[in-house]
């Protein structure tokens, strides 16, 4: 694979499907290819849809539910398989650092420790989805929602692809204020 250990290799999340004419047509083409999606669910990266005229070499034609046909280049579009997976990043950080700070004034001392981890990813963005109340969920009234709509209507749901997120963090791990009693 040519990658370091502990990399995430999976489908790349692009966006949520929308209830627009463009997405409805794209979902109809996927449906004709055997993949069913609905607005508000995760859309993952696929090969580009390249529409071509009939008679072009290496083409694929599908019939949509309305009876119309779409002819496109058979470049892997319309199948979500191993060829669509990508290296999304590493679970191991590129950089880890910490800093101790000690400030002293007379008999007072303030200590803290700050820890930082940068350049890695984390799997778990949606791991508590459904067990908490999300306020920014996609719906026809909220098409800009950040989270997919909860549904069982799409059996090809790839919402788990949204679980990969940047894990950069800076944390104050310790703060201590002390006073030394004079002899």
Protein backbone atom coordinates (compact mmCIF):
# COMPACT_ATOMS: atom_id res chain seq x y z
CA UNK A 1 0.00 0.00 0.00
CA UNK A 2 3.01 2.28 0.42
CA UNK A 3 1.66 4.01 3.53
CA UNK A 4 2.82 4.15 7.14
CA UNK A 5 1.19 1.98 9.78
CA UNK A 6 -2.02 3.18 11.46
CA UNK A 7 -3.58 4.97 8.50
CA UNK A 8 -7.31 5.23 7.85
CA UNK A 9 -8.18 3.71 4.49
CA UNK A 10 -11.85 4.12 3.74
CA UNK A 11 -14.42 6.01 1.68
CA UNK A 12 -13.93 9.79 1.59
CA UNK A 13 -16.95 11.74 2.80
CA UNK A 14 -17.85 14.57 0.41
CA UNK A 15 -21.11 16.05 1.66
CA UNK A 16 -24.75 15.24 2.39
CA UNK A 17 -27.04 14.41 -0.50
CA UNK A 18 -29.42 17.30 -1.18
CA UNK A 19 -32.95 17.45 -2.57
CA UNK A 20 -31.87 19.39 -5.68
CA UNK A 21 -32.58 18.48 -9.32
CA UNK A 22 -28.87 17.73 -9.84
CA UNK A 23 -28.66 15.37 -6.86
CA UNK A 24 -32.04 13.77 -7.69
CA UNK A 25 -30.73 12.91 -11.17
CA UNK A 26 -27.46 11.59 -9.76
CA UNK A 27 -29.34 9.48 -7.18
CA UNK A 28 -31.56 8.13 -10.00
CA UNK A 29 -28.44 7.06 -11.95
CA UNK A 30 -27.02 5.38 -8.83
CA UNK A 31 -30.36 3.67 -8.27
CA UNK A 32 -30.25 2.30 -11.83
CA UNK A 33 -26.77 0.96 -10.95
CA UNK A 34 -28.17 -0.76 -7.84
CA UNK A 35 -27.25 1.82 -5.16
CA UNK A 36 -30.07 3.61 -3.35
CA UNK A 37 -29.51 6.97 -1.70
CA UNK A 38 -31.86 9.59 -0.32
CA UNK A 39 -31.40 13.28 0.48
CA UNK A 40 -29.85 13.90 3.87
CA UNK A 41 -27.52 10.88 3.78
CA UNK A 42 -23.74 10.90 3.38
CA UNK A 43 -22.31 11.10 -0.14
CA UNK A 44 -18.87 9.59 -0.58
CA UNK A 45 -16.36 10.26 -3.33
CA UNK A 46 -16.84 8.14 -6.45
CA UNK A 47 -15.29 8.21 -9.90
CA UNK A 48 -16.42 11.16 -12.02
CA UNK A 49 -19.67 10.83 -13.98
CA UNK A 50 -18.71 11.49 -17.61
CA UNK A 51 -21.76 11.48 -19.89
CA UNK A 52 -20.88 10.33 -23.42
CA UNK A 53 -22.83 9.84 -26.67
CA UNK A 54 -24.03 6.39 -27.74
CA UNK A 55 -21.37 4.45 -29.65
CA UNK A 56 -18.46 5.69 -27.56
CA UNK A 57 -16.01 2.94 -26.62
CA UNK A 58 -16.12 1.79 -22.98
CA UNK A 59 -19.57 3.10 -22.19
CA UNK A 60 -22.35 2.01 -19.86
CA UNK A 61 -26.05 2.77 -20.35
CA UNK A 62 -28.64 2.65 -17.58
CA UNK A 63 -32.39 3.11 -17.69
CA UNK A 64 -33.89 5.37 -15.04
CA UNK A 65 -37.28 4.80 -13.38
CA UNK A 66 -38.91 7.40 -15.69
CA UNK A 67 -37.81 5.36 -18.73
CA UNK A 68 -35.06 7.72 -19.88
CA UNK A 69 -31.51 6.48 -20.35
CA UNK A 70 -28.12 7.86 -19.38
CA UNK A 71 -24.95 6.79 -21.13
CA UNK A 72 -21.66 7.36 -19.37
CA UNK A 73 -18.05 6.31 -19.48
CA UNK A 74 -17.55 3.01 -17.63
CA UNK A 75 -14.69 4.34 -15.48
CA UNK A 76 -15.92 2.85 -12.20
CA UNK A 77 -18.68 5.40 -11.63
CA UNK A 78 -21.85 3.92 -10.15
CA UNK A 79 -20.15 1.30 -8.01
CA UNK A 80 -18.91 2.09 -4.55
CA UNK A 81 -16.19 -0.49 -4.06
CA UNK A 82 -12.56 -0.92 -3.00
CA UNK A 83 -11.40 1.27 -5.91
CA UNK A 84 -13.15 4.24 -4.27
CA UNK A 85 -11.34 3.92 -0.94
CA UNK A 86 -8.61 6.41 -0.14
CA UNK A 87 -6.02 7.02 2.56
CA UNK A 88 -7.76 9.61 4.72
CA UNK A 89 -4.91 10.27 7.14
CA UNK A 90 -3.02 8.75 10.01
CA UNK A 91 -4.20 7.91 13.50
CA UNK A 92 -0.66 8.71 14.69
CA UNK A 93 0.01 12.42 15.16
CA UNK A 94 2.66 14.25 13.13
CA UNK A 95 3.62 16.27 16.17
CA UNK A 96 3.21 15.85 19.93
CA UNK A 97 4.37 18.38 22.46
CA UNK A 98 3.98 19.53 26.01
CA UNK A 99 4.95 22.51 28.06
CA UNK A 100 5.37 22.99 31.80
CA UNK A 101 4.86 26.51 33.07
CA UNK A 102 5.88 27.58 36.58
CA UNK A 103 5.34 31.13 37.81
CA UNK A 104 6.54 32.15 41.27
CA UNK A 105 5.79 35.34 43.17
CA UNK A 106 6.89 35.60 46.79
CA UNK A 107 5.40 32.48 48.47
CA UNK A 108 2.87 31.77 45.69
CA UNK A 109 3.50 29.33 42.87
CA UNK A 110 1.32 28.67 39.81
CA UNK A 111 2.07 25.52 37.80
CA UNK A 112 0.41 24.21 34.67
CA UNK A 113 1.03 21.60 32.02
CA UNK A 114 -0.23 22.05 28.45
CA UNK A 115 -0.31 19.09 26.05
CA UNK A 116 -0.74 19.23 22.29
CA UNK A 117 -1.22 16.66 19.53
CA UNK A 118 -1.38 17.76 15.86
CA UNK A 119 -1.69 16.20 12.43
CA UNK A 120 -3.78 13.09 13.05
CA UNK A 121 -7.35 11.95 12.56
CA UNK A 122 -9.91 10.42 14.86
CA UNK A 123 -12.71 7.94 14.15
CA UNK A 124 -15.76 8.69 16.24
CA UNK A 125 -17.46 11.88 15.14
CA UNK A 126 -20.88 10.18 14.99
CA UNK A 127 -20.32 7.43 17.54
CA UNK A 128 -22.90 8.87 19.95
CA UNK A 129 -25.33 9.92 17.20
CA UNK A 130 -28.82 8.87 18.24
CA UNK A 131 -27.92 8.95 21.94
CA UNK A 132 -27.73 12.72 22.06
CA UNK A 133 -29.86 15.53 20.67
CA UNK A 134 -28.42 17.03 17.49
CA UNK A 135 -29.67 20.47 16.62
CA UNK A 136 -28.06 20.73 13.16
CA UNK A 137 -29.57 17.70 11.40
CA UNK A 138 -30.30 17.74 7.66
CA UNK A 139 -33.98 18.06 6.72
CA UNK A 140 -35.84 19.54 3.75
CA UNK A 141 -36.30 22.66 5.91
CA UNK A 142 -32.60 22.64 6.96
CA UNK A 143 -30.64 21.52 3.85
CA UNK A 144 -27.44 23.03 5.27
CA UNK A 145 -27.53 20.71 8.30
CA UNK A 146 -24.21 19.26 9.41
CA UNK A 147 -25.47 15.79 10.42
CA UNK A 148 -27.41 13.24 8.36
CA UNK A 149 -31.08 12.70 8.95
CA UNK A 150 -31.77 9.59 11.02
CA UNK A 151 -33.51 7.09 8.77
CA UNK A 152 -33.58 3.45 7.80
CA UNK A 153 -34.93 4.20 4.31
CA UNK A 154 -31.52 4.00 2.58
CA UNK A 155 -30.04 0.55 2.87
CA UNK A 156 -26.74 1.66 1.29
CA UNK A 157 -26.03 4.22 3.98
CA UNK A 158 -22.41 5.32 4.13
CA UNK A 159 -22.94 7.72 7.03
CA UNK A 160 -20.09 6.03 8.92
CA UNK A 161 -17.70 7.68 6.42
CA UNK A 162 -18.43 10.93 8.30
CA UNK A 163 -16.82 9.48 11.44
CA UNK A 164 -13.30 10.49 10.38
CA UNK A 165 -12.39 13.94 11.62
CA UNK A 166 -9.28 15.93 12.48
CA UNK A 167 -8.02 15.20 15.98
CA UNK A 168 -5.79 18.22 16.56
CA UNK A 169 -5.98 19.30 20.18
CA UNK A 170 -4.41 21.49 22.82
CA UNK A 171 -5.32 20.59 26.40
CA UNK A 172 -4.46 22.14 29.73
CA UNK A 173 -3.86 18.96 31.72
CA UNK A 174 -2.95 20.47 35.06
CA UNK A 175 -3.28 23.77 36.89
CA UNK A 176 -2.03 24.06 40.45
CA UNK A 177 -1.82 27.09 42.69
CA UNK A 178 0.18 26.66 45.87
CA UNK A 179 1.29 28.78 48.78
CA UNK A 180 4.33 28.06 50.90
CA UNK A 181 3.84 28.96 54.54
CA UNK A 182 6.91 30.88 55.82
CA UNK A 183 8.93 29.29 58.66
